[in-house]
Protein backbone atom coordinates (compact mmCIF):
# COMPACT_ATOMS: atom_id res chain seq x y z
CA MET A 1 0.00 0.00 0.00
CA PRO A 2 1.57 3.33 -1.07
CA ASP A 3 2.53 5.68 1.77
CA ILE A 4 0.87 9.06 1.10
CA LYS A 5 3.30 10.84 3.40
CA LYS A 6 6.31 9.44 1.53
CA ARG A 7 4.73 10.27 -1.83
CA ASN A 8 4.32 13.87 -0.71
CA GLN A 9 7.92 13.93 0.49
CA ILE A 10 8.98 13.12 -3.07
CA LEU A 11 6.79 15.88 -4.51
CA ASP A 12 8.05 18.36 -1.92
CA ALA A 13 11.62 17.42 -2.81
CA LEU A 14 11.10 18.14 -6.50
CA GLN A 15 9.34 21.42 -5.67
CA HIS A 16 12.32 22.43 -3.55
CA LEU A 17 14.87 21.49 -6.21
CA LEU A 18 12.97 23.45 -8.87
CA GLU A 19 13.60 26.60 -6.85
CA SER A 20 17.24 26.58 -7.93
CA LYS A 21 17.57 24.13 -10.84
CA GLU A 22 15.91 23.34 -14.13
CA ILE A 23 14.01 20.09 -14.46
CA GLN A 24 16.46 18.57 -16.96
CA GLU A 25 19.32 19.14 -14.50
CA ILE A 26 17.58 17.32 -11.66
CA THR A 27 18.16 13.60 -11.27
CA VAL A 28 16.06 10.98 -9.57
CA SER A 29 18.97 10.45 -7.18
CA GLU A 30 18.83 14.12 -6.16
CA ILE A 31 15.10 13.92 -5.60
CA ALA A 32 15.56 10.83 -3.43
CA LYS A 33 18.36 12.44 -1.42
CA THR A 34 16.34 15.63 -0.88
CA ALA A 35 13.32 13.58 0.14
CA GLY A 36 15.43 11.53 2.55
CA ILE A 37 14.53 8.17 1.00
CA GLY A 38 16.29 5.56 -1.12
CA LYS A 39 16.39 5.97 -4.89
CA GLY A 40 14.71 2.60 -5.35
CA SER A 41 11.74 3.81 -3.31
CA ILE A 42 11.11 6.57 -5.83
CA TYR A 43 10.23 4.02 -8.51
CA TYR A 44 7.70 2.38 -6.22
CA TYR A 45 5.68 5.59 -6.41
CA PHE A 46 6.64 7.02 -9.81
CA PRO A 47 7.95 5.41 -13.02
CA SER A 48 10.00 8.48 -14.01
CA LYS A 49 11.05 12.01 -13.15
CA GLU A 50 8.45 13.30 -15.61
CA ALA A 51 5.74 11.43 -13.70
CA ILE A 52 6.83 13.17 -10.50
CA LEU A 53 6.51 16.54 -12.22
CA GLU A 54 3.03 15.62 -13.49
CA ALA A 55 1.98 14.62 -9.98
CA LEU A 56 3.39 17.85 -8.54
CA ILE A 57 1.34 19.91 -10.96
CA GLN A 58 -1.77 17.87 -10.23
CA ARG A 59 -1.28 18.31 -6.49
CA ASN A 60 -1.14 22.08 -6.89
CA TYR A 61 -4.51 21.97 -8.62
CA GLU A 62 -6.23 19.56 -6.25
CA GLN A 63 -7.84 22.31 -4.17
CA PRO A 64 -9.23 24.45 -7.02
CA LEU A 65 -10.51 21.33 -8.78
CA ARG A 66 -12.29 20.23 -5.60
CA THR A 67 -13.69 23.75 -5.32
CA ALA A 68 -14.89 23.58 -8.92
CA LYS A 69 -16.65 20.24 -8.44
CA ASN A 70 -18.31 21.43 -5.25
CA LEU A 71 -19.49 24.61 -6.93
CA ALA A 72 -20.89 22.70 -9.90
CA ALA A 73 -23.38 21.07 -7.53
CA GLN A 74 -24.52 24.38 -6.01
CA SER A 75 -27.05 25.39 -8.64
CA ASN A 76 -28.60 27.90 -6.23
CA ILE A 77 -25.59 30.16 -6.77
CA SER A 78 -25.33 32.27 -9.94
CA PRO A 79 -23.23 30.53 -12.62
CA PHE A 80 -21.20 33.72 -13.00
CA THR A 81 -20.37 33.79 -9.29
CA ARG A 82 -19.32 30.15 -9.39
CA MET A 83 -17.14 30.66 -12.45
CA ALA A 84 -15.47 33.66 -10.80
CA MET A 85 -14.65 31.61 -7.71
CA ILE A 86 -13.21 28.78 -9.82
CA PHE A 87 -11.00 31.08 -11.89
CA GLN A 88 -9.66 32.85 -8.82
CA ALA A 89 -8.80 29.52 -7.18
CA CYS A 90 -6.93 28.41 -10.31
CA ARG A 91 -5.04 31.67 -10.60
CA ASN A 92 -3.89 31.31 -7.01
CA SER A 93 -2.69 27.78 -7.67
CA SER A 94 -0.78 28.81 -10.79
CA SER A 95 0.95 31.56 -8.85
CA GLU A 96 1.84 29.16 -6.04
CA LEU A 97 3.29 26.59 -8.42
CA LEU A 98 5.66 29.10 -9.98
CA ARG A 99 6.24 31.35 -6.97
CA HIS A 100 9.94 30.52 -6.90
CA ARG A 101 10.60 32.18 -10.25
CA SER A 102 11.50 35.86 -9.77
CA SER A 103 10.80 37.00 -13.34
CA PRO A 104 9.34 35.74 -16.64
CA ALA A 105 12.84 35.75 -18.10
CA ASN A 106 13.82 32.96 -15.73
CA LEU A 107 11.18 30.78 -17.31
CA ARG A 108 12.33 31.18 -20.93
CA THR A 109 13.93 27.76 -20.81
CA HIS A 110 12.99 24.24 -21.80
CA GLU A 111 12.12 23.60 -18.16
CA GLY A 112 9.92 26.66 -17.94
CA THR A 113 8.12 25.81 -21.16
CA LEU A 114 7.55 22.22 -20.02
CA ILE A 115 6.10 23.23 -16.67
CA HIS A 116 3.82 25.87 -18.19
CA GLN A 117 2.62 23.52 -20.91
CA LYS A 118 1.82 20.79 -18.42
CA TYR A 119 -0.12 22.91 -15.98
CA LEU A 120 -2.05 24.69 -18.74
CA GLU A 121 -2.99 21.32 -20.26
CA HIS A 122 -4.04 20.05 -16.85
CA LEU A 123 -6.10 23.14 -16.12
CA VAL A 124 -8.06 23.04 -19.38
CA ARG A 125 -8.51 19.26 -19.41
CA GLU A 126 -9.69 18.98 -15.80
CA LEU A 127 -11.84 22.10 -15.59
CA LYS A 128 -13.63 21.89 -18.94
CA PRO A 129 -16.25 19.28 -17.86
CA THR A 130 -17.07 21.16 -14.66
CA LEU A 131 -17.28 24.56 -16.32
CA THR A 132 -19.42 23.02 -19.06
CA GLN A 133 -21.80 21.71 -16.41
CA ILE A 134 -22.11 25.15 -14.79
CA ILE A 135 -22.77 26.80 -18.17
CA GLU A 136 -25.42 24.16 -18.95
CA GLN A 137 -27.11 24.98 -15.65
CA GLY A 138 -27.04 28.66 -16.57
CA ILE A 139 -28.61 27.86 -19.95
CA LYS A 140 -31.33 25.78 -18.33
CA ALA A 141 -32.09 28.60 -15.88
CA GLY A 142 -32.31 31.12 -18.72
CA GLU A 143 -29.31 33.13 -17.48
CA ILE A 144 -27.05 32.13 -20.39
CA HIS A 145 -28.17 31.80 -24.00
CA PHE A 146 -25.77 29.63 -25.96
CA ASP A 147 -26.08 26.29 -27.74
CA ARG A 148 -22.50 25.00 -27.39
CA PRO A 149 -21.64 24.98 -23.67
CA ALA A 150 -18.59 22.69 -23.98
CA ALA A 151 -17.09 24.86 -26.72
CA LEU A 152 -17.72 28.00 -24.67
CA ALA A 153 -16.04 26.46 -21.63
CA GLU A 154 -12.98 25.50 -23.65
CA ILE A 155 -12.67 28.90 -25.33
CA VAL A 156 -12.81 30.77 -22.02
CA LEU A 157 -10.33 28.43 -20.34
CA ILE A 158 -7.81 28.55 -23.19
CA VAL A 159 -7.89 32.34 -23.56
CA LEU A 160 -7.63 32.97 -19.83
CA ALA A 161 -5.01 30.29 -19.22
CA VAL A 162 -2.73 31.50 -22.01
CA LYS A 163 -3.27 35.24 -21.65
CA LEU A 164 -3.24 35.60 -17.88
CA ASP A 165 -0.33 33.20 -17.54
CA ASN A 166 1.52 35.53 -19.96
CA PHE A 167 4.22 33.04 -20.87
CA PHE A 168 3.67 31.62 -24.35
CA ILE A 169 2.55 34.96 -25.80
CA PRO A 170 4.25 37.65 -23.69
CA SER A 171 2.13 40.79 -23.56
CA SER A 172 2.04 44.10 -21.75
CA ASP A 173 -0.59 44.70 -19.06
CA GLU A 174 -2.46 46.90 -21.51
CA GLU A 175 -2.49 44.18 -24.19
CA ILE A 176 -3.72 41.59 -21.74
CA GLU A 177 -6.47 43.95 -20.57
CA GLU A 178 -7.51 44.61 -24.17
CA THR A 179 -7.74 40.88 -24.94
CA ILE A 180 -9.75 40.13 -21.80
CA GLN A 181 -12.11 43.03 -22.49
CA GLY A 182 -12.59 41.69 -26.02
CA LEU A 183 -13.37 38.25 -24.61
CA ILE A 184 -15.87 39.76 -22.18
CA SER A 185 -17.60 41.65 -24.99
CA LEU A 186 -17.84 38.50 -27.12
CA LEU A 187 -19.16 36.47 -24.20
CA GLU A 188 -21.82 39.00 -23.26
CA LYS A 189 -23.04 39.42 -26.84
CA GLY A 190 -22.74 35.76 -27.74
CA THR A 191 -24.52 34.45 -24.67
CA GLY A 192 -27.10 37.18 -24.28
CA THR A 193 -26.05 37.97 -20.73
CA PRO A 194 -26.30 41.40 -19.04
CA GLU A 195 -23.39 43.79 -19.42
CA GLY A 196 -20.90 43.34 -16.61
CA SER A 197 -21.70 39.65 -16.01
CA PHE A 198 -18.18 38.58 -16.95
CA ASN A 199 -16.26 41.48 -15.41
CA TYR A 200 -14.79 39.12 -12.82
CA LEU A 201 -12.44 37.91 -15.57
CA THR A 202 -10.47 41.14 -15.15
CA SER A 203 -10.05 40.75 -11.37
CA PRO A 204 -6.39 40.91 -10.27
CA LEU A 205 -4.53 37.83 -9.10
């Protein structure tokens, strides 16, 4: 039976090592040493270093994903309020995951690209079904008027994830604001919702 405490020790060790080294420079032996366990024990929990990184990213999103699933069931709350709470939780998790990087320039590496790609993929993949469900509830309640809820969920997640993360397409604050305002305008007109319904998308991190 896997030891959850030991598994978390391994993830904590990789998180610590990433504060000063790039992922390709880190070895499984270093992770084991930092975690205070034998190298052979690592492979009992993870088949590779890449699998440890995947698990670390997933762990950082556990809380916002739980929040999202809980909110999906609370149909008595406005869909816009629930979406705002989900996005804020995810933004906080993204910031926490990369808190050890002092500037975007430090992430312009293979390691930085890999980490960003993985957590953006995880965010969109895991949140799309839940956000789709919330949008469907809004449609059923007559608050949102749109016939492709899954597509809408994916569009919003991709634009926000890429633009607010500001890694793959570096932009100034003004450019980011312009894109988000454009998204808000499209969402309001395309879904027939009142003006201001999506303003939470511009809330600061």
